[in-house]
Amino acid sequence: MKVKVYQKGQVVIPSVIRQRLHISPGDYVDIEESKGYLKIVPTGHTILSLGGSLKSKRKAADADKAVEKAWTVRAREVAHDGKSR
């Protein structure tokens, strides 16, 4: 498939190929050069693209409470020891 190389060396991977290989905006690809050819290989999804893909039984408020509790515990430790890590 023929695609254009733009001014900054950018190429657009046609949508039909992106869909077939599950390449989404923000994903990374490896570009390999060998014997005068370029090979573009999907490396998988970024951690950010996985956000929200797992279901949790806990709510965001529960996570906020857990973080607040951890900070409180750590603050007490620092106050008791008189030092920070």
N, C-alpha and C. Protein backbone atom coordinates (compact mmCIF):
# COMPACT_ATOMS: atom_id res chain seq x y z
N MET A 1 0.85 -1.17 0.00
CA MET A 1 0.00 0.00 0.00
C MET A 1 0.90 1.23 0.00
N LYS A 2 0.63 2.17 -0.82
CA LYS A 2 1.44 3.37 -0.96
C LYS A 2 0.88 4.48 -0.06
N VAL A 3 1.75 5.08 0.77
CA VAL A 3 1.37 6.22 1.60
C VAL A 3 2.41 7.32 1.42
N LYS A 4 2.01 8.56 1.69
CA LYS A 4 2.88 9.71 1.51
C LYS A 4 3.71 9.96 2.77
N VAL A 5 4.96 10.37 2.57
CA VAL A 5 5.82 10.78 3.69
C VAL A 5 5.72 12.30 3.76
N TYR A 6 5.33 12.83 4.92
CA TYR A 6 5.15 14.26 5.09
C TYR A 6 6.45 14.94 5.50
N GLN A 7 6.40 16.26 5.59
CA GLN A 7 7.58 17.10 5.80
C GLN A 7 8.46 16.66 6.96
N LYS A 8 7.88 16.25 8.07
CA LYS A 8 8.65 15.86 9.25
C LYS A 8 8.91 14.36 9.30
N GLY A 9 8.74 13.68 8.17
CA GLY A 9 8.98 12.24 8.12
C GLY A 9 7.81 11.40 8.59
N GLN A 10 6.67 12.03 8.79
CA GLN A 10 5.50 11.31 9.28
C GLN A 10 4.80 10.57 8.14
N VAL A 11 4.25 9.41 8.47
CA VAL A 11 3.39 8.68 7.54
C VAL A 11 2.10 8.34 8.26
N VAL A 12 1.04 8.19 7.50
CA VAL A 12 -0.25 7.81 8.08
C VAL A 12 -0.48 6.33 7.77
N ILE A 13 -0.71 5.56 8.83
CA ILE A 13 -1.05 4.16 8.65
C ILE A 13 -2.53 4.12 8.29
N PRO A 14 -2.88 3.56 7.14
CA PRO A 14 -4.28 3.55 6.72
C PRO A 14 -5.19 2.94 7.79
N SER A 15 -6.40 3.50 7.90
CA SER A 15 -7.32 3.09 8.96
C SER A 15 -7.66 1.61 8.91
N VAL A 16 -7.78 1.03 7.73
CA VAL A 16 -8.12 -0.39 7.63
C VAL A 16 -7.02 -1.24 8.28
N ILE A 17 -5.77 -0.83 8.14
CA ILE A 17 -4.66 -1.56 8.76
C ILE A 17 -4.64 -1.31 10.26
N ARG A 18 -4.86 -0.05 10.69
CA ARG A 18 -4.90 0.27 12.13
C ARG A 18 -5.98 -0.54 12.82
N GLN A 19 -7.13 -0.64 12.20
CA GLN A 19 -8.24 -1.39 12.80
C GLN A 19 -7.91 -2.88 12.88
N ARG A 20 -7.36 -3.42 11.82
CA ARG A 20 -7.05 -4.84 11.78
C ARG A 20 -5.98 -5.22 12.82
N LEU A 21 -5.02 -4.30 13.05
CA LEU A 21 -3.94 -4.56 13.99
C LEU A 21 -4.19 -3.95 15.37
N HIS A 22 -5.37 -3.36 15.57
CA HIS A 22 -5.77 -2.76 16.84
C HIS A 22 -4.76 -1.69 17.28
N ILE A 23 -4.36 -0.83 16.36
CA ILE A 23 -3.46 0.29 16.67
C ILE A 23 -4.33 1.51 16.91
N SER A 24 -4.20 2.10 18.09
CA SER A 24 -5.00 3.26 18.48
C SER A 24 -4.10 4.46 18.68
N PRO A 25 -4.66 5.68 18.64
CA PRO A 25 -3.85 6.87 18.92
C PRO A 25 -3.17 6.74 20.28
N GLY A 26 -1.88 7.06 20.32
CA GLY A 26 -1.12 6.95 21.56
C GLY A 26 -0.36 5.64 21.68
N ASP A 27 -0.70 4.64 20.86
CA ASP A 27 0.04 3.38 20.88
C ASP A 27 1.43 3.60 20.28
N TYR A 28 2.34 2.72 20.60
CA TYR A 28 3.68 2.77 20.05
C TYR A 28 3.86 1.68 19.02
N VAL A 29 4.72 1.95 18.04
CA VAL A 29 5.11 0.95 17.07
C VAL A 29 6.63 0.95 16.99
N ASP A 30 7.19 -0.20 16.66
CA ASP A 30 8.62 -0.29 16.39
C ASP A 30 8.82 -0.14 14.89
N ILE A 31 9.84 0.61 14.51
CA ILE A 31 10.20 0.74 13.10
C ILE A 31 11.56 0.12 12.93
N GLU A 32 11.63 -0.87 12.05
CA GLU A 32 12.87 -1.58 11.80
C GLU A 32 13.27 -1.36 10.34
N GLU A 33 14.56 -1.22 10.10
CA GLU A 33 15.07 -1.05 8.74
C GLU A 33 16.01 -2.20 8.45
N SER A 34 15.79 -2.84 7.32
CA SER A 34 16.65 -3.96 6.94
C SER A 34 16.67 -4.09 5.42
N LYS A 35 17.84 -4.08 4.86
CA LYS A 35 18.03 -4.31 3.42
C LYS A 35 17.17 -3.38 2.57
N GLY A 36 17.07 -2.12 2.97
CA GLY A 36 16.34 -1.14 2.18
C GLY A 36 14.83 -1.13 2.38
N TYR A 37 14.35 -1.86 3.36
CA TYR A 37 12.91 -1.91 3.65
C TYR A 37 12.65 -1.41 5.06
N LEU A 38 11.47 -0.84 5.25
CA LEU A 38 11.01 -0.47 6.59
C LEU A 38 9.94 -1.45 7.01
N LYS A 39 9.97 -1.80 8.28
CA LYS A 39 8.96 -2.70 8.86
C LYS A 39 8.40 -1.99 10.08
N ILE A 40 7.09 -1.81 10.13
CA ILE A 40 6.42 -1.18 11.27
C ILE A 40 5.67 -2.27 12.03
N VAL A 41 6.01 -2.42 13.32
CA VAL A 41 5.45 -3.50 14.13
C VAL A 41 4.78 -2.92 15.36
N PRO A 42 3.49 -3.21 15.59
CA PRO A 42 2.83 -2.74 16.81
C PRO A 42 3.51 -3.32 18.05
N THR A 43 3.71 -2.49 19.07
CA THR A 43 4.33 -2.97 20.31
C THR A 43 3.30 -3.20 21.40
N GLY A 44 2.06 -2.91 21.13
CA GLY A 44 1.02 -3.09 22.14
C GLY A 44 0.47 -1.76 22.60
N HIS A 45 -0.34 -1.82 23.61
CA HIS A 45 -1.03 -0.64 24.11
C HIS A 45 -0.21 0.06 25.19
N THR A 46 -0.38 1.37 25.28
CA THR A 46 0.23 2.11 26.36
C THR A 46 -0.57 1.89 27.63
N ILE A 47 0.02 2.18 28.75
CA ILE A 47 -0.68 2.03 30.03
C ILE A 47 -1.89 2.97 30.08
N LEU A 48 -1.76 4.14 29.47
CA LEU A 48 -2.88 5.09 29.49
C LEU A 48 -4.06 4.59 28.67
N SER A 49 -3.77 3.87 27.60
CA SER A 49 -4.87 3.38 26.77
C SER A 49 -5.65 2.27 27.46
N LEU A 50 -5.10 1.69 28.51
CA LEU A 50 -5.79 0.63 29.24
C LEU A 50 -6.71 1.18 30.33
N GLY A 51 -6.66 2.48 30.57
CA GLY A 51 -7.47 3.09 31.62
C GLY A 51 -8.95 2.78 31.43
N GLY A 52 -9.57 2.30 32.47
CA GLY A 52 -10.99 2.00 32.45
C GLY A 52 -11.33 0.64 31.85
N SER A 53 -10.32 -0.11 31.43
CA SER A 53 -10.61 -1.40 30.80
C SER A 53 -10.89 -2.49 31.82
N LEU A 54 -10.52 -2.28 33.06
CA LEU A 54 -10.80 -3.26 34.11
C LEU A 54 -11.93 -2.77 34.99
N LYS A 55 -12.81 -3.67 35.33
CA LYS A 55 -13.92 -3.28 36.20
C LYS A 55 -13.51 -3.49 37.65
N SER A 56 -13.96 -2.59 38.49
CA SER A 56 -13.65 -2.67 39.90
C SER A 56 -14.94 -2.64 40.69
N LYS A 57 -14.95 -3.36 41.79
CA LYS A 57 -16.12 -3.33 42.66
C LYS A 57 -16.09 -2.10 43.55
N ARG A 58 -14.91 -1.48 43.63
CA ARG A 58 -14.78 -0.29 44.47
C ARG A 58 -15.09 0.96 43.67
N LYS A 59 -15.51 1.98 44.38
CA LYS A 59 -15.82 3.26 43.75
C LYS A 59 -14.64 4.21 43.94
N ALA A 60 -14.60 5.27 43.16
CA ALA A 60 -13.52 6.25 43.24
C ALA A 60 -13.43 6.83 44.65
N ALA A 61 -14.55 7.01 45.31
CA ALA A 61 -14.55 7.55 46.67
C ALA A 61 -13.81 6.63 47.62
N ASP A 62 -13.92 5.32 47.42
CA ASP A 62 -13.20 4.35 48.25
C ASP A 62 -11.70 4.52 48.06
N ALA A 63 -11.27 4.72 46.83
CA ALA A 63 -9.84 4.92 46.54
C ALA A 63 -9.36 6.21 47.19
N ASP A 64 -10.16 7.27 47.11
CA ASP A 64 -9.79 8.54 47.74
C ASP A 64 -9.62 8.37 49.25
N LYS A 65 -10.51 7.61 49.87
CA LYS A 65 -10.41 7.37 51.32
C LYS A 65 -9.14 6.59 51.65
N ALA A 66 -8.82 5.59 50.83
CA ALA A 66 -7.61 4.79 51.06
C ALA A 66 -6.36 5.65 50.94
N VAL A 67 -6.32 6.53 49.96
CA VAL A 67 -5.16 7.42 49.78
C VAL A 67 -5.06 8.37 50.97
N GLU A 68 -6.18 8.93 51.39
CA GLU A 68 -6.18 9.86 52.54
C GLU A 68 -5.69 9.14 53.80
N LYS A 69 -6.14 7.91 54.00
CA LYS A 69 -5.71 7.15 55.17
C LYS A 69 -4.21 6.89 55.12
N ALA A 70 -3.69 6.55 53.93
CA ALA A 70 -2.25 6.30 53.79
C ALA A 70 -1.45 7.56 54.11
N TRP A 71 -1.91 8.70 53.63
CA TRP A 71 -1.21 9.96 53.93
C TRP A 71 -1.25 10.28 55.43
N THR A 72 -2.38 10.01 56.06
CA THR A 72 -2.50 10.25 57.49
C THR A 72 -1.55 9.36 58.28
N VAL A 73 -1.51 8.08 57.92
CA VAL A 73 -0.60 7.15 58.59
C VAL A 73 0.84 7.60 58.40
N ARG A 74 1.20 7.98 57.20
CA ARG A 74 2.58 8.42 56.91
C ARG A 74 2.90 9.70 57.67
N ALA A 75 1.96 10.62 57.74
CA ALA A 75 2.18 11.88 58.47
C ALA A 75 2.44 11.60 59.95
N ARG A 76 1.71 10.64 60.51
CA ARG A 76 1.93 10.28 61.91
C ARG A 76 3.32 9.66 62.11
N GLU A 77 3.72 8.82 61.15
CA GLU A 77 5.06 8.21 61.23
C GLU A 77 6.15 9.29 61.20
N VAL A 78 6.01 10.24 60.30
CA VAL A 78 7.00 11.32 60.18
C VAL A 78 7.01 12.16 61.45
N ALA A 79 5.81 12.45 61.98
CA ALA A 79 5.73 13.24 63.21
C ALA A 79 6.38 12.50 64.38
N HIS A 80 6.19 11.20 64.42
CA HIS A 80 6.76 10.39 65.50
C HIS A 80 8.27 10.26 65.38
N ASP A 81 8.75 9.99 64.13
CA ASP A 81 10.19 9.79 63.91
C ASP A 81 10.93 11.11 63.76
N GLY A 82 10.21 12.15 63.37
CA GLY A 82 10.84 13.45 63.17
C GLY A 82 11.62 13.55 61.87
N LYS A 83 11.36 12.64 60.96
CA LYS A 83 12.06 12.69 59.67
C LYS A 83 11.17 12.16 58.57
N SER A 84 11.56 12.47 57.33
CA SER A 84 10.85 12.03 56.14
C SER A 84 11.77 11.15 55.31
N ARG A 85 11.22 10.30 54.47
CA ARG A 85 12.04 9.46 53.60
C ARG A 85 12.58 10.21 52.43
